[in-house]
């Protein structure tokens, strides 16, 4: 299937542009908490997780693993959001998403902001096969090589 630029230029999108758009959409649907839509964007055996130095680290497989990982994190917060700062393709398989994350602690009510985090998203065949959170962009980029 050939993807055409949604901006109306009529030109075909490159693999990198398609991946960036898919990742942007995945973060948008997650912010709406439409987890069923996230499922359609990832391979059945996709890996999700975070680097060991971060809270809620570890590695989880498949949609059920994704739900476990996300539930563990979201249960700690009364409110939680991811502010996407930048989305860039590193190559035809890797997209880095620079984010700030803000939450208000469940029970405590304390607001916490984590700035400068980065997700490395690996895609193949138009699907997310790995989504991992790193403490910063440099760590995410290093993990892609």
N, C-alpha and C. Protein backbone atom coordinates (compact mmCIF):
# COMPACT_ATOMS: atom_id res chain seq x y z
N UNK A 1 0.83 -1.17 0.00
CA UNK A 1 0.00 0.00 0.00
C UNK A 1 0.88 1.24 0.00
N UNK A 2 0.56 2.18 -0.85
CA UNK A 2 1.32 3.42 -0.98
C UNK A 2 0.67 4.50 -0.15
N UNK A 3 1.42 5.08 0.76
CA UNK A 3 0.89 6.17 1.59
C UNK A 3 1.14 7.50 0.89
N UNK A 4 0.13 8.34 0.92
CA UNK A 4 0.22 9.66 0.30
C UNK A 4 0.23 10.71 1.42
N UNK A 5 0.99 11.76 1.22
CA UNK A 5 1.11 12.84 2.19
C UNK A 5 -0.28 13.40 2.52
N UNK A 6 -0.61 13.36 3.81
CA UNK A 6 -1.91 13.86 4.26
C UNK A 6 -2.01 15.38 4.13
N UNK A 7 -0.89 16.04 3.96
CA UNK A 7 -0.88 17.49 3.80
C UNK A 7 -1.40 17.95 2.45
N UNK A 8 -1.72 17.03 1.58
CA UNK A 8 -2.32 17.39 0.31
C UNK A 8 -1.35 17.58 -0.83
N UNK A 9 -0.07 17.28 -0.64
CA UNK A 9 0.89 17.49 -1.73
C UNK A 9 0.75 16.42 -2.80
N UNK A 10 0.15 15.27 -2.43
CA UNK A 10 -0.02 14.20 -3.39
C UNK A 10 1.22 13.35 -3.59
N UNK A 11 2.32 13.67 -2.92
CA UNK A 11 3.54 12.88 -3.10
C UNK A 11 3.53 11.66 -2.19
N UNK A 12 4.21 10.63 -2.63
CA UNK A 12 4.32 9.42 -1.83
C UNK A 12 5.25 9.66 -0.66
N UNK A 13 4.89 9.12 0.50
CA UNK A 13 5.72 9.27 1.68
C UNK A 13 6.85 8.25 1.68
N UNK A 14 7.99 8.63 2.19
CA UNK A 14 9.11 7.70 2.33
C UNK A 14 8.85 6.79 3.52
N UNK A 15 9.62 5.73 3.63
CA UNK A 15 9.52 4.81 4.77
C UNK A 15 9.70 5.57 6.08
N UNK A 16 10.68 6.44 6.12
CA UNK A 16 10.92 7.22 7.34
C UNK A 16 9.72 8.10 7.69
N UNK A 17 9.15 8.77 6.71
CA UNK A 17 8.00 9.63 6.96
C UNK A 17 6.79 8.82 7.42
N UNK A 18 6.57 7.65 6.82
CA UNK A 18 5.47 6.78 7.25
C UNK A 18 5.67 6.34 8.70
N UNK A 19 6.90 5.98 9.04
CA UNK A 19 7.19 5.55 10.41
C UNK A 19 6.97 6.68 11.40
N UNK A 20 7.42 7.88 11.06
CA UNK A 20 7.22 9.04 11.95
C UNK A 20 5.73 9.29 12.15
N UNK A 21 4.95 9.23 11.09
CA UNK A 21 3.51 9.46 11.21
C UNK A 21 2.85 8.37 12.06
N UNK A 22 3.24 7.12 11.87
CA UNK A 22 2.67 6.03 12.67
C UNK A 22 3.00 6.23 14.15
N UNK A 23 4.22 6.61 14.45
CA UNK A 23 4.63 6.81 15.84
C UNK A 23 3.89 8.01 16.44
N UNK A 24 3.77 9.09 15.69
CA UNK A 24 2.99 10.24 16.19
C UNK A 24 1.57 9.81 16.53
N UNK A 25 0.96 9.06 15.63
CA UNK A 25 -0.40 8.59 15.84
C UNK A 25 -0.48 7.68 17.06
N UNK A 26 0.50 6.80 17.24
CA UNK A 26 0.51 5.90 18.39
C UNK A 26 0.53 6.69 19.70
N UNK A 27 1.33 7.73 19.78
CA UNK A 27 1.38 8.55 20.99
C UNK A 27 0.08 9.32 21.19
N UNK A 28 -0.53 9.79 20.10
CA UNK A 28 -1.81 10.49 20.21
C UNK A 28 -2.91 9.56 20.72
N UNK A 29 -2.99 8.35 20.19
CA UNK A 29 -4.04 7.44 20.65
C UNK A 29 -3.78 6.97 22.08
N UNK A 30 -2.50 6.85 22.47
CA UNK A 30 -2.21 6.51 23.85
C UNK A 30 -2.68 7.62 24.78
N UNK A 31 -2.44 8.87 24.40
CA UNK A 31 -2.88 9.99 25.24
C UNK A 31 -4.39 10.00 25.41
N UNK A 32 -5.13 9.49 24.44
CA UNK A 32 -6.59 9.35 24.56
C UNK A 32 -6.96 8.08 25.32
N UNK A 33 -5.93 7.29 25.67
CA UNK A 33 -6.08 5.99 26.36
C UNK A 33 -6.86 5.00 25.51
N UNK A 34 -6.72 5.10 24.19
CA UNK A 34 -7.34 4.16 23.26
C UNK A 34 -6.36 3.00 23.05
N UNK A 35 -6.25 2.14 24.05
CA UNK A 35 -5.25 1.07 24.02
C UNK A 35 -5.55 0.04 22.94
N UNK A 36 -6.81 -0.11 22.56
CA UNK A 36 -7.16 -1.03 21.47
C UNK A 36 -6.55 -0.54 20.15
N UNK A 37 -6.53 0.76 19.95
CA UNK A 37 -5.93 1.31 18.73
C UNK A 37 -4.42 1.10 18.74
N UNK A 38 -3.81 1.23 19.92
CA UNK A 38 -2.36 0.97 20.01
C UNK A 38 -2.08 -0.46 19.56
N UNK A 39 -2.95 -1.38 19.93
CA UNK A 39 -2.77 -2.80 19.58
C UNK A 39 -2.65 -2.99 18.07
N UNK A 40 -3.42 -2.23 17.30
CA UNK A 40 -3.40 -2.39 15.84
C UNK A 40 -2.12 -1.87 15.21
N UNK A 41 -1.33 -1.10 15.97
CA UNK A 41 -0.12 -0.49 15.44
C UNK A 41 1.14 -1.28 15.76
N UNK A 42 0.99 -2.33 16.56
CA UNK A 42 2.16 -3.10 17.01
C UNK A 42 2.05 -4.55 16.57
N UNK A 43 3.19 -5.17 16.35
CA UNK A 43 3.21 -6.59 16.03
C UNK A 43 2.75 -7.38 17.25
N UNK A 44 2.28 -8.60 17.01
CA UNK A 44 1.77 -9.45 18.10
C UNK A 44 2.82 -9.72 19.18
N UNK A 45 4.09 -9.76 18.79
CA UNK A 45 5.15 -10.07 19.76
C UNK A 45 6.04 -8.86 20.05
N UNK A 46 5.49 -7.66 19.87
CA UNK A 46 6.26 -6.44 20.12
C UNK A 46 6.77 -6.41 21.56
N UNK A 47 7.91 -5.75 21.74
CA UNK A 47 8.52 -5.61 23.06
C UNK A 47 8.34 -4.17 23.54
N UNK A 48 7.95 -4.02 24.81
CA UNK A 48 7.73 -2.72 25.42
C UNK A 48 8.50 -2.67 26.72
N UNK A 49 8.97 -1.48 27.10
CA UNK A 49 9.63 -1.39 28.39
C UNK A 49 10.44 -0.13 28.55
N UNK A 50 11.28 -0.18 29.58
CA UNK A 50 12.10 0.97 29.91
C UNK A 50 13.47 0.54 30.40
N UNK A 51 14.41 1.44 30.25
CA UNK A 51 15.79 1.20 30.66
C UNK A 51 15.86 0.95 32.17
N UNK A 52 16.84 0.17 32.61
CA UNK A 52 16.93 -0.22 34.03
C UNK A 52 17.03 0.94 35.00
N UNK A 53 17.58 2.06 34.59
CA UNK A 53 17.75 3.19 35.51
C UNK A 53 16.46 4.00 35.69
N UNK A 54 15.39 3.63 35.00
CA UNK A 54 14.13 4.36 35.10
C UNK A 54 13.12 3.59 35.95
N UNK A 55 12.18 4.32 36.58
CA UNK A 55 11.07 3.62 37.25
C UNK A 55 10.28 2.83 36.21
N UNK A 56 9.66 1.77 36.65
CA UNK A 56 8.86 0.91 35.76
C UNK A 56 9.69 0.36 34.60
N UNK A 57 10.94 0.00 34.92
CA UNK A 57 11.81 -0.57 33.90
C UNK A 57 11.43 -2.03 33.66
N UNK A 58 12.11 -2.64 32.75
CA UNK A 58 11.85 -4.05 32.43
C UNK A 58 11.42 -4.19 31.00
N UNK A 59 11.14 -5.41 30.62
CA UNK A 59 10.77 -5.72 29.25
C UNK A 59 9.51 -6.58 29.26
N UNK A 60 8.56 -6.21 28.41
CA UNK A 60 7.27 -6.88 28.35
C UNK A 60 6.96 -7.19 26.89
N UNK A 61 6.38 -8.37 26.64
CA UNK A 61 6.12 -8.80 25.26
C UNK A 61 4.64 -8.86 24.95
N UNK A 62 4.33 -8.50 23.70
CA UNK A 62 2.97 -8.62 23.19
C UNK A 62 2.01 -7.62 23.82
N UNK A 63 0.78 -7.68 23.36
CA UNK A 63 -0.23 -6.74 23.82
C UNK A 63 -0.50 -6.90 25.31
N UNK A 64 -0.57 -8.13 25.80
CA UNK A 64 -0.79 -8.35 27.23
C UNK A 64 0.36 -7.79 28.05
N UNK A 65 1.58 -7.95 27.56
CA UNK A 65 2.74 -7.36 28.22
C UNK A 65 2.66 -5.85 28.24
N UNK A 66 2.24 -5.27 27.13
CA UNK A 66 2.06 -3.82 27.05
C UNK A 66 1.06 -3.35 28.10
N UNK A 67 -0.08 -4.06 28.19
CA UNK A 67 -1.10 -3.69 29.17
C UNK A 67 -0.57 -3.79 30.60
N UNK A 68 0.22 -4.81 30.89
CA UNK A 68 0.81 -4.97 32.22
C UNK A 68 1.75 -3.82 32.53
N UNK A 69 2.64 -3.52 31.58
CA UNK A 69 3.61 -2.43 31.76
C UNK A 69 2.90 -1.10 31.98
N UNK A 70 1.92 -0.80 31.14
CA UNK A 70 1.20 0.47 31.23
C UNK A 70 0.39 0.54 32.53
N UNK A 71 -0.28 -0.55 32.89
CA UNK A 71 -1.09 -0.54 34.11
C UNK A 71 -0.23 -0.29 35.35
N UNK A 72 0.94 -0.91 35.40
CA UNK A 72 1.83 -0.70 36.54
C UNK A 72 2.19 0.78 36.67
N UNK A 73 2.40 1.42 35.56
CA UNK A 73 2.78 2.84 35.57
C UNK A 73 1.58 3.73 35.87
N UNK A 74 0.49 3.53 35.16
CA UNK A 74 -0.66 4.41 35.31
C UNK A 74 -1.30 4.29 36.68
N UNK A 75 -1.22 3.12 37.31
CA UNK A 75 -1.79 2.93 38.65
C UNK A 75 -1.11 3.82 39.70
N UNK A 76 0.10 4.27 39.42
CA UNK A 76 0.83 5.13 40.37
C UNK A 76 0.38 6.59 40.29
N UNK A 77 -0.44 6.92 39.29
CA UNK A 77 -0.78 8.32 39.03
C UNK A 77 -2.28 8.54 38.99
N UNK A 78 -2.72 9.67 39.60
CA UNK A 78 -4.11 10.09 39.41
C UNK A 78 -4.27 10.72 38.03
N UNK A 79 -3.22 11.42 37.61
CA UNK A 79 -3.18 12.04 36.28
C UNK A 79 -1.81 11.77 35.70
N UNK A 80 -1.76 11.51 34.40
CA UNK A 80 -0.48 11.28 33.74
C UNK A 80 -0.61 11.68 32.28
N UNK A 81 0.42 12.38 31.80
CA UNK A 81 0.43 12.73 30.37
C UNK A 81 1.86 12.70 29.83
N UNK A 82 1.94 12.46 28.56
CA UNK A 82 3.21 12.51 27.84
C UNK A 82 3.12 13.69 26.87
N UNK A 83 4.04 14.62 27.01
CA UNK A 83 4.12 15.75 26.07
C UNK A 83 5.21 15.45 25.06
N UNK A 84 4.80 15.22 23.82
CA UNK A 84 5.75 14.93 22.76
C UNK A 84 6.41 16.24 22.32
N UNK A 85 7.74 16.27 22.40
CA UNK A 85 8.51 17.45 22.03
C UNK A 85 8.97 17.37 20.58
N UNK A 86 9.43 16.18 20.18
CA UNK A 86 9.96 16.01 18.82
C UNK A 86 9.88 14.53 18.44
N UNK A 87 9.64 14.27 17.17
CA UNK A 87 9.62 12.91 16.63
C UNK A 87 10.48 12.91 15.38
N UNK A 88 11.54 12.08 15.39
CA UNK A 88 12.46 12.04 14.24
C UNK A 88 12.89 10.62 13.92
N UNK A 89 12.94 10.34 12.64
CA UNK A 89 13.46 9.05 12.19
C UNK A 89 14.99 9.10 12.20
N UNK A 90 15.59 8.04 12.74
CA UNK A 90 17.04 7.91 12.68
C UNK A 90 17.46 7.21 11.39
N UNK A 91 16.62 6.27 10.97
CA UNK A 91 16.84 5.49 9.75
C UNK A 91 15.50 4.89 9.36
N UNK A 92 15.49 3.88 8.50
CA UNK A 92 14.22 3.31 8.04
C UNK A 92 13.53 2.43 9.07
N UNK A 93 14.16 2.15 10.21
CA UNK A 93 13.55 1.28 11.23
C UNK A 93 13.39 1.95 12.59
N UNK A 94 14.09 3.03 12.85
CA UNK A 94 14.12 3.60 14.20
C UNK A 94 13.62 5.05 14.21
N UNK A 95 12.74 5.32 15.19
CA UNK A 95 12.22 6.66 15.40
C UNK A 95 12.46 7.01 16.87
N UNK A 96 12.99 8.21 17.11
CA UNK A 96 13.20 8.69 18.48
C UNK A 96 12.13 9.74 18.77
N UNK A 97 11.50 9.59 19.94
CA UNK A 97 10.47 10.51 20.38
C UNK A 97 10.95 11.17 21.66
N UNK A 98 11.27 12.47 21.58
CA UNK A 98 11.67 13.23 22.76
C UNK A 98 10.41 13.68 23.49
N UNK A 99 10.36 13.43 24.81
CA UNK A 99 9.15 13.71 25.57
C UNK A 99 9.48 14.30 26.94
N UNK A 100 8.50 14.96 27.49
CA UNK A 100 8.42 15.27 28.91
C UNK A 100 7.20 14.51 29.41
N UNK A 101 7.29 13.97 30.61
CA UNK A 101 6.17 13.24 31.20
C UNK A 101 5.80 13.92 32.51
N UNK A 102 4.50 14.12 32.72
CA UNK A 102 4.02 14.77 33.92
C UNK A 102 2.91 13.93 34.53
N UNK A 103 2.97 13.79 35.85
CA UNK A 103 1.94 13.05 36.55
C UNK A 103 1.68 13.64 37.92
N UNK A 104 0.51 13.33 38.43
CA UNK A 104 0.15 13.70 39.81
C UNK A 104 -0.04 12.39 40.56
N UNK A 105 0.77 12.18 41.56
CA UNK A 105 0.83 10.92 42.29
C UNK A 105 -0.50 10.50 42.89
N UNK A 106 -0.83 9.22 42.71
CA UNK A 106 -2.02 8.65 43.34
C UNK A 106 -1.81 8.68 44.84
N UNK A 107 -2.76 9.21 45.54
CA UNK A 107 -2.65 9.27 47.00
C UNK A 107 -1.93 10.51 47.48
N UNK A 108 -0.72 10.75 46.99
CA UNK A 108 0.08 11.88 47.48
C UNK A 108 -0.36 13.21 46.88
N UNK A 109 -0.83 13.18 45.64
CA UNK A 109 -1.20 14.41 44.95
C UNK A 109 -0.02 15.23 44.48
N UNK A 110 1.19 14.73 44.69
CA UNK A 110 2.40 15.45 44.29
C UNK A 110 2.55 15.39 42.77
N UNK A 111 2.81 16.55 42.17
CA UNK A 111 3.04 16.60 40.73
C UNK A 111 4.52 16.39 40.45
N UNK A 112 4.79 15.51 39.50
CA UNK A 112 6.16 15.17 39.11
C UNK A 112 6.29 15.35 37.61
N UNK A 113 7.37 16.00 37.19
CA UNK A 113 7.65 16.14 35.77
C UNK A 113 9.03 15.56 35.49
N UNK A 114 9.08 14.68 34.51
CA UNK A 114 10.35 14.12 34.03
C UNK A 114 10.60 14.75 32.67
N UNK A 115 11.67 15.49 32.56
CA UNK A 115 11.99 16.20 31.31
C UNK A 115 13.14 15.50 30.59
N UNK A 116 13.09 15.61 29.26
CA UNK A 116 14.21 15.13 28.45
C UNK A 116 14.29 13.64 28.26
N UNK A 117 13.20 12.91 28.52
CA UNK A 117 13.19 11.47 28.26
C UNK A 117 13.06 11.22 26.77
N UNK A 118 13.36 10.00 26.34
CA UNK A 118 13.23 9.67 24.92
C UNK A 118 12.81 8.21 24.76
N UNK A 119 11.86 8.01 23.88
CA UNK A 119 11.45 6.66 23.47
C UNK A 119 12.17 6.33 22.18
N UNK A 120 12.67 5.11 22.09
CA UNK A 120 13.17 4.59 20.83
C UNK A 120 12.14 3.58 20.34
N UNK A 121 11.60 3.84 19.16
CA UNK A 121 10.58 2.98 18.58
C UNK A 121 11.19 2.32 17.34
N UNK A 122 11.13 1.00 17.32
CA UNK A 122 11.61 0.23 16.17
C UNK A 122 10.39 -0.28 15.40
N UNK A 123 10.42 -0.09 14.08
CA UNK A 123 9.29 -0.48 13.24
C UNK A 123 9.77 -1.38 12.11
N UNK A 124 8.93 -2.33 11.76
CA UNK A 124 9.17 -3.19 10.59
C UNK A 124 7.83 -3.51 9.94
N UNK A 125 7.79 -3.38 8.63
CA UNK A 125 6.55 -3.70 7.92
C UNK A 125 5.36 -2.87 8.35
N UNK A 126 5.61 -1.63 8.75
CA UNK A 126 4.53 -0.74 9.14
C UNK A 126 3.96 -1.00 10.53
N UNK A 127 4.68 -1.77 11.35
CA UNK A 127 4.23 -2.07 12.71
C UNK A 127 5.34 -1.78 13.71
N UNK A 128 4.95 -1.40 14.91
CA UNK A 128 5.90 -1.23 16.00
C UNK A 128 6.31 -2.62 16.48
N UNK A 129 7.62 -2.87 16.52
CA UNK A 129 8.12 -4.14 17.03
C UNK A 129 8.84 -3.97 18.37
N UNK A 130 9.18 -2.72 18.70
CA UNK A 130 9.82 -2.45 19.99
C UNK A 130 9.61 -0.98 20.34
N UNK A 131 9.23 -0.72 21.59
CA UNK A 131 9.08 0.63 22.10
C UNK A 131 9.70 0.64 23.48
N UNK A 132 10.75 1.45 23.64
CA UNK A 132 11.52 1.44 24.88
C UNK A 132 11.80 2.87 25.32
N UNK A 133 11.67 3.11 26.60
CA UNK A 133 11.90 4.44 27.17
C UNK A 133 13.32 4.52 27.73
N UNK A 134 13.99 5.63 27.44
CA UNK A 134 15.36 5.88 27.90
C UNK A 134 15.42 7.20 28.65
N UNK A 135 16.44 7.38 29.50
CA UNK A 135 16.53 8.60 30.30
C UNK A 135 16.79 9.86 29.49
N UNK A 136 17.30 9.70 28.26
CA UNK A 136 17.55 10.87 27.41
C UNK A 136 17.73 10.44 25.96
N UNK A 137 17.79 11.42 25.08
CA UNK A 137 17.92 11.16 23.64
C UNK A 137 19.20 10.42 23.31
N UNK A 138 20.30 10.81 23.95
CA UNK A 138 21.60 10.17 23.66
C UNK A 138 21.53 8.66 23.92
N UNK A 139 20.91 8.28 25.02
CA UNK A 139 20.79 6.84 25.35
C UNK A 139 19.89 6.13 24.33
N UNK A 140 18.82 6.79 23.89
CA UNK A 140 17.92 6.18 22.91
C UNK A 140 18.65 5.99 21.57
N UNK A 141 19.37 7.01 21.14
CA UNK A 141 20.11 6.92 19.88
C UNK A 141 21.19 5.84 19.97
N UNK A 142 21.89 5.77 21.08
CA UNK A 142 22.93 4.75 21.27
C UNK A 142 22.33 3.34 21.20
N UNK A 143 21.11 3.17 21.70
CA UNK A 143 20.47 1.85 21.69
C UNK A 143 20.07 1.43 20.27
N UNK A 144 19.96 2.39 19.37
CA UNK A 144 19.59 2.07 17.99
C UNK A 144 20.75 1.55 17.17
N UNK A 145 21.96 1.73 17.67
CA UNK A 145 23.13 1.33 16.89
C UNK A 145 23.70 0.02 17.37
